[in-house]
Amino acid sequence: MAKLLTVATRGGKLALAQTEIITTALKEIHPDIEIKIKTITTKGDKDRRTALWKLKTTGFFTSRVEDALLAGQADFAVHSFKDLPTHQREGLTIAAVCERQFAEDCLIAADSARSMGQIPKAAKIGTSSLRRIAQIKHLRPDLQPADIRGNVTTRIGKLREGKFDAIILARAGIERLGLSDKISFCFDPQQFIPAPAQGALAVQTRTDDDATNELIAAIDDEKAHTTAFAERQVLSVMQCGCHAPAGAFAAIVGGDITICAFISDLEGRNFIRRQTTGPAANAQNLAEKIANELLTAGGKEILEKLER
């Protein structure tokens, strides 16, 4: 008899596409399971107007999905790992981080542009991220970042309507929706640093559900797990929250991991970047080291000003 599992997820096209990636991977390893999808409407899905950096609460896109999981309405949940607060909710765990692709950001321009240098002077750039705004201003102080909300297709629609000259999005979402032909160019993630765990899919379960945890663990990707958790550790140690102008990116080559991270003021003037390399087995300690370096180099003062 087939084992039936219920997965909780947001109901948008991207969330469902990502859930399909996870369910397909699970069924390849466990062909005898059946998976039912339970869609959840989150606060972030309802509020499409408030700029993300103005939010004071965490879990804007994840808390109600986690509520369903804790209530036993689902056996596991699928999240964009970057959306999860760095502090794990009691009773829940990340049972797997799936193979990670496309950690970088990308730009979609109304007119042809193959690099930041080809974007017209004073162009209006749509983004809902302080991290991206700080890096845009650092690279091109003349550009004009402007808040944009909505799902991927909504944002592309606003670009077509002429409300923006370009928009910046996570490449992973564009690729998973089959919209890669819209991309003007992709950023080097070591130069334009992404959000911690961007591009990674986290499969969340109840800590005490041993049977489900064992099933889910089979699709965990060691490199994705190590890099995503290292990047999140940078944010956690800095205690700057998911909306601060900060980012982290880690990559494993051979047995070593390289972590680069930054924190900046909102204007991109006080831009502090650090990088370190060491054994991948020591990823968490390296992440803590680079976070403390950023804080002592001026990051602490930046965070204090943002909190005022």
Protein backbone atom coordinates (compact mmCIF):
# COMPACT_ATOMS: atom_id res chain seq x y z
CA MET A 1 0.00 0.00 0.00
CA ALA A 2 1.36 3.41 -1.00
CA LYS A 3 2.33 5.81 1.76
CA LEU A 4 0.48 9.14 1.53
CA LEU A 5 2.28 12.35 2.49
CA THR A 6 0.95 15.90 2.46
CA VAL A 7 3.23 18.81 1.55
CA ALA A 8 2.46 22.40 2.55
CA THR A 9 3.49 25.20 0.21
CA ARG A 10 2.51 28.67 -0.93
CA GLY A 11 0.09 28.61 -3.85
CA GLY A 12 1.88 30.79 -6.39
CA LYS A 13 3.28 29.48 -9.67
CA LEU A 14 6.88 29.61 -8.47
CA ALA A 15 6.14 27.94 -5.13
CA LEU A 16 4.24 25.15 -6.89
CA ALA A 17 7.04 24.71 -9.45
CA GLN A 18 9.54 24.39 -6.61
CA THR A 19 7.31 21.93 -4.79
CA GLU A 20 7.15 19.88 -7.99
CA ILE A 21 10.96 19.72 -8.02
CA ILE A 22 10.93 18.27 -4.50
CA THR A 23 8.08 15.82 -5.03
CA THR A 24 9.66 14.53 -8.24
CA ALA A 25 12.98 13.98 -6.47
CA LEU A 26 11.25 12.14 -3.63
CA LYS A 27 9.26 9.88 -5.94
CA GLU A 28 12.40 8.94 -7.85
CA ILE A 29 13.88 7.54 -4.65
CA HIS A 30 10.61 6.41 -3.05
CA PRO A 31 8.33 5.35 -5.94
CA ASP A 32 5.78 3.86 -3.53
CA ILE A 33 4.78 7.20 -1.97
CA GLU A 34 1.90 9.47 -2.95
CA ILE A 35 2.09 13.19 -2.25
CA LYS A 36 -0.86 15.53 -1.76
CA ILE A 37 -0.29 19.29 -2.05
CA LYS A 38 -1.82 21.68 0.48
CA THR A 39 -1.55 25.32 -0.57
CA ILE A 40 -1.31 28.07 2.03
CA THR A 41 -1.88 31.81 1.59
CA THR A 42 0.76 33.74 3.56
CA LYS A 43 0.88 37.33 4.77
CA GLY A 44 3.27 38.09 1.94
CA ASP A 45 0.78 36.76 -0.60
CA LYS A 46 -1.98 38.98 0.78
CA ASP A 47 0.05 42.17 1.24
CA ARG A 48 1.43 43.17 -2.16
CA ARG A 49 1.86 46.85 -1.31
CA THR A 50 4.14 47.16 1.73
CA ALA A 51 7.83 47.47 0.86
CA LEU A 52 9.61 44.40 2.21
CA TRP A 53 12.20 46.46 4.07
CA LYS A 54 9.43 48.16 6.06
CA LEU A 55 8.28 44.89 7.58
CA LYS A 56 9.08 44.47 11.27
CA THR A 57 8.11 40.80 11.52
CA THR A 58 9.93 37.75 10.20
CA GLY A 59 8.45 34.81 8.34
CA PHE A 60 6.35 37.05 6.09
CA PHE A 61 6.26 34.34 3.42
CA THR A 62 6.70 31.27 5.61
CA SER A 63 5.05 31.46 9.04
CA ARG A 64 1.59 30.26 7.98
CA VAL A 65 3.10 27.36 6.07
CA GLU A 66 5.01 26.46 9.23
CA ASP A 67 1.79 26.79 11.25
CA ALA A 68 0.13 24.16 9.05
CA LEU A 69 3.08 21.84 9.49
CA LEU A 70 3.13 22.23 13.28
CA ALA A 71 -0.64 21.66 13.40
CA GLY A 72 -0.23 18.31 11.65
CA GLN A 73 -2.04 19.46 8.52
CA ALA A 74 1.01 18.49 6.47
CA ASP A 75 3.94 16.09 6.80
CA PHE A 76 6.52 18.40 5.27
CA ALA A 77 6.81 21.85 3.73
CA VAL A 78 8.82 23.31 0.84
CA HIS A 79 10.33 26.78 1.14
CA SER A 80 12.65 29.05 -0.74
CA PHE A 81 15.36 28.75 1.90
CA LYS A 82 16.20 32.45 1.71
CA ASP A 83 12.67 33.30 2.94
CA LEU A 84 12.99 31.36 6.20
CA PRO A 85 14.05 33.29 9.31
CA THR A 86 17.53 32.31 10.49
CA HIS A 87 16.08 31.24 13.85
CA GLN A 88 14.37 27.87 13.43
CA ARG A 89 10.94 27.53 15.03
CA GLU A 90 10.73 25.11 17.93
CA GLY A 91 9.51 21.68 16.84
CA LEU A 92 10.62 22.13 13.22
CA THR A 93 13.79 21.18 11.38
CA ILE A 94 15.29 21.36 7.89
CA ALA A 95 15.40 17.72 6.88
CA ALA A 96 16.92 18.38 3.44
CA VAL A 97 18.38 21.08 1.25
CA CYS A 98 18.04 20.04 -2.38
CA GLU A 99 20.58 20.45 -5.13
CA ARG A 100 21.14 24.17 -5.57
CA GLN A 101 21.18 25.95 -8.90
CA PHE A 102 21.31 29.60 -9.88
CA ALA A 103 22.20 31.30 -6.60
CA GLU A 104 22.86 34.59 -8.38
CA ASP A 105 20.69 37.61 -9.16
CA CYS A 106 19.80 38.59 -12.70
CA LEU A 107 18.64 41.76 -14.43
CA ILE A 108 15.83 42.10 -16.94
CA ALA A 109 16.00 45.34 -18.92
CA ALA A 110 13.36 47.07 -20.99
CA ASP A 111 16.04 47.77 -23.59
CA SER A 112 19.13 45.77 -24.46
CA ALA A 113 21.73 45.68 -21.67
CA ARG A 114 24.45 43.09 -21.18
CA SER A 115 26.14 44.63 -18.15
CA MET A 116 25.63 47.28 -15.47
CA GLY A 117 27.68 49.66 -17.60
CA GLN A 118 25.13 49.48 -20.44
CA ILE A 119 22.18 50.55 -18.30
CA PRO A 120 21.19 54.16 -19.15
CA LYS A 121 22.14 56.92 -16.74
CA ALA A 122 19.59 57.55 -13.94
CA ALA A 123 17.59 54.48 -14.96
CA LYS A 124 14.79 53.36 -12.65
CA ILE A 125 15.55 49.89 -11.26
CA GLY A 126 12.74 47.87 -9.66
CA THR A 127 13.64 45.83 -6.58
CA SER A 128 12.15 45.05 -3.18
CA SER A 129 15.51 44.32 -1.54
CA LEU A 130 17.72 46.64 0.51
CA ARG A 131 20.58 44.24 -0.23
CA ARG A 132 20.20 44.86 -3.96
CA ILE A 133 19.65 48.60 -3.51
CA ALA A 134 22.90 49.01 -1.57
CA GLN A 135 24.86 47.12 -4.22
CA ILE A 136 23.21 49.01 -7.09
CA LYS A 137 24.12 52.34 -5.46
CA HIS A 138 27.64 51.11 -4.72
CA LEU A 139 28.23 50.13 -8.36
CA ARG A 140 26.23 52.89 -10.04
CA PRO A 141 25.30 55.82 -7.76
CA ASP A 142 23.36 57.45 -10.62
CA LEU A 143 20.79 54.64 -10.84
CA GLN A 144 17.43 55.06 -9.13
CA PRO A 145 16.21 51.96 -7.23
CA ALA A 146 12.44 51.89 -6.72
CA ASP A 147 10.20 49.54 -4.76
CA ILE A 148 8.41 46.82 -6.70
CA ARG A 149 6.16 44.10 -5.31
CA GLY A 150 4.30 41.15 -6.78
CA ASN A 151 5.26 37.77 -8.18
CA VAL A 152 7.74 37.28 -11.01
CA THR A 153 5.23 37.62 -13.85
CA THR A 154 3.66 40.69 -12.23
CA ARG A 155 7.04 42.38 -11.98
CA ILE A 156 7.91 41.57 -15.59
CA GLY A 157 4.52 43.00 -16.56
CA LYS A 158 5.30 46.27 -14.77
CA LEU A 159 8.59 46.45 -16.68
CA ARG A 160 6.73 45.99 -19.99
CA GLU A 161 4.29 48.73 -19.00
CA GLY A 162 7.20 51.15 -18.76
CA LYS A 163 7.06 51.63 -14.99
CA PHE A 164 10.73 50.65 -14.70
CA ASP A 165 13.78 50.64 -16.95
CA ALA A 166 14.97 47.35 -15.48
CA ILE A 167 14.21 44.95 -12.63
CA ILE A 168 16.47 42.69 -10.58
CA LEU A 169 15.28 39.24 -9.50
CA ALA A 170 16.69 35.96 -8.26
CA ARG A 171 17.75 33.92 -11.28
CA ALA A 172 16.46 30.68 -9.71
CA GLY A 173 12.85 31.86 -9.85
CA ILE A 174 13.14 32.95 -13.48
CA GLU A 175 14.67 29.63 -14.49
CA ARG A 176 12.11 27.55 -12.60
CA LEU A 177 9.27 29.36 -14.33
CA GLY A 178 10.80 28.77 -17.76
CA LEU A 179 11.43 32.48 -18.34
CA SER A 180 15.20 32.43 -18.85
CA ASP A 181 14.80 34.07 -22.27
CA LYS A 182 13.73 37.26 -20.46
CA ILE A 183 17.11 37.64 -18.70
CA SER A 184 19.33 40.43 -19.98
CA PHE A 185 22.35 39.36 -17.93
CA CYS A 186 23.28 37.55 -14.72
CA PHE A 187 25.47 38.93 -11.97
CA ASP A 188 28.62 37.25 -10.71
CA PRO A 189 27.52 36.13 -7.21
CA GLN A 190 30.95 36.94 -5.78
CA GLN A 191 30.67 40.52 -7.04
CA PHE A 192 26.92 41.22 -6.65
CA ILE A 193 26.34 39.09 -3.57
CA PRO A 194 23.00 37.27 -3.27
CA ALA A 195 20.81 36.69 -0.24
CA PRO A 196 21.95 33.85 2.03
CA ALA A 197 20.65 30.49 0.72
CA GLN A 198 19.25 32.09 -2.45
CA GLY A 199 18.42 29.42 -5.01
CA ALA A 200 18.27 26.66 -2.39
CA LEU A 201 15.07 24.75 -1.61
CA ALA A 202 14.54 23.77 2.02
CA VAL A 203 12.34 20.84 2.99
CA GLN A 204 11.01 21.39 6.48
CA THR A 205 9.56 18.74 8.77
CA ARG A 206 8.53 18.24 12.38
CA THR A 207 11.54 17.37 14.48
CA ASP A 208 9.85 14.38 16.12
CA ASP A 209 8.54 12.82 12.88
CA ASP A 210 11.29 10.24 12.47
CA ALA A 211 9.65 8.35 9.59
CA THR A 212 9.19 11.43 7.42
CA ASN A 213 12.61 12.79 8.33
CA GLU A 214 14.22 9.58 7.12
CA LEU A 215 12.33 9.74 3.81
CA ILE A 216 13.19 13.39 3.21
CA ALA A 217 16.86 13.02 4.17
CA ALA A 218 17.39 10.88 1.07
CA ILE A 219 17.16 13.98 -1.19
CA ASP A 220 19.54 16.15 0.84
CA ASP A 221 22.44 17.52 -1.22
CA GLU A 222 25.59 17.84 0.88
CA LYS A 223 27.12 20.79 -0.99
CA ALA A 224 23.84 22.72 -1.08
CA HIS A 225 23.27 21.98 2.60
CA THR A 226 26.75 23.14 3.60
CA THR A 227 26.82 26.34 1.54
CA ALA A 228 23.27 27.42 2.39
CA PHE A 229 23.75 26.92 6.13
CA ALA A 230 27.12 28.71 6.03
CA GLU A 231 25.55 31.74 4.34
CA ARG A 232 22.70 31.78 6.85
CA GLN A 233 25.20 31.53 9.69
CA VAL A 234 26.74 34.82 8.55
CA LEU A 235 23.35 36.53 8.85
CA SER A 236 22.59 34.80 12.15
CA VAL A 237 25.84 35.87 13.83
CA MET A 238 25.43 39.44 12.61
CA GLN A 239 21.82 39.47 13.86
CA CYS A 240 20.82 41.75 11.02
CA GLY A 241 17.61 40.05 9.86
CA CYS A 242 16.62 39.07 6.34
CA HIS A 243 15.84 42.62 5.15
CA ALA A 244 19.14 44.34 6.01
CA PRO A 245 21.52 45.51 3.25
CA ALA A 246 23.72 42.45 3.67
CA GLY A 247 24.42 39.30 1.68
CA ALA A 248 26.51 36.14 1.68
CA PHE A 249 27.60 33.61 -0.90
CA ALA A 250 29.53 30.36 -0.45
CA ALA A 251 30.97 27.95 -3.01
CA ILE A 252 32.73 24.63 -2.55
CA VAL A 253 35.61 23.58 -4.79
CA GLY A 254 37.23 20.29 -3.92
CA GLY A 255 37.37 20.13 -0.14
CA ASP A 256 37.44 23.89 0.43
CA ILE A 257 34.68 26.43 0.84
CA THR A 258 34.97 30.12 -0.06
CA ILE A 259 32.58 32.51 1.66
CA CYS A 260 32.17 36.14 0.62
CA ALA A 261 29.83 38.51 2.41
CA PHE A 262 29.05 42.21 2.74
CA ILE A 263 27.13 44.76 4.71
CA SER A 264 26.51 48.33 3.62
CA ASP A 265 24.69 51.50 4.40
CA LEU A 266 21.63 52.15 2.24
CA GLU A 267 23.51 54.47 -0.13
CA GLY A 268 26.26 51.95 -0.87
CA ARG A 269 28.93 54.37 0.33
CA ASN A 270 30.07 52.54 3.46
CA PHE A 271 30.37 49.19 1.68
CA ILE A 272 32.19 46.53 3.72
CA ARG A 273 33.10 43.23 2.03
CA ARG A 274 35.09 40.28 3.33
CA GLN A 275 36.07 36.88 1.93
CA THR A 276 37.58 33.76 3.45
CA THR A 277 38.50 30.24 2.33
CA GLY A 278 39.03 27.09 4.34
CA PRO A 279 38.01 23.45 4.75
CA ALA A 280 34.35 22.85 3.92
CA ALA A 281 34.12 20.72 7.05
CA ASN A 282 34.77 23.93 9.00
CA ALA A 283 32.10 25.96 7.14
CA GLN A 284 30.13 27.15 10.17
CA ASN A 285 33.22 28.43 11.99
CA LEU A 286 34.42 30.20 8.84
CA ALA A 287 31.00 31.83 8.47
CA GLU A 288 31.10 33.01 12.07
CA LYS A 289 34.61 34.40 11.50
CA ILE A 290 33.63 36.43 8.45
CA ALA A 291 30.49 37.74 10.17
CA ASN A 292 32.54 39.01 13.11
CA GLU A 293 35.03 40.61 10.72
CA LEU A 294 32.19 42.51 9.05
CA LEU A 295 30.83 43.66 12.40
CA THR A 296 34.18 44.90 13.70
CA ALA A 297 34.97 46.63 10.39
CA GLY A 298 31.94 48.90 10.79
CA GLY A 299 28.98 46.60 10.31
CA LYS A 300 27.86 47.00 13.91
CA GLU A 301 27.56 50.76 13.47
CA ILE A 302 25.62 50.31 10.23
CA LEU A 303 23.12 48.03 11.95
CA GLU A 304 22.74 50.42 14.88
CA LYS A 305 21.88 53.27 12.50
CA LEU A 306 19.32 51.12 10.67
CA GLU A 307 17.56 50.32 13.95
CA ARG A 308 17.06 53.98 14.87
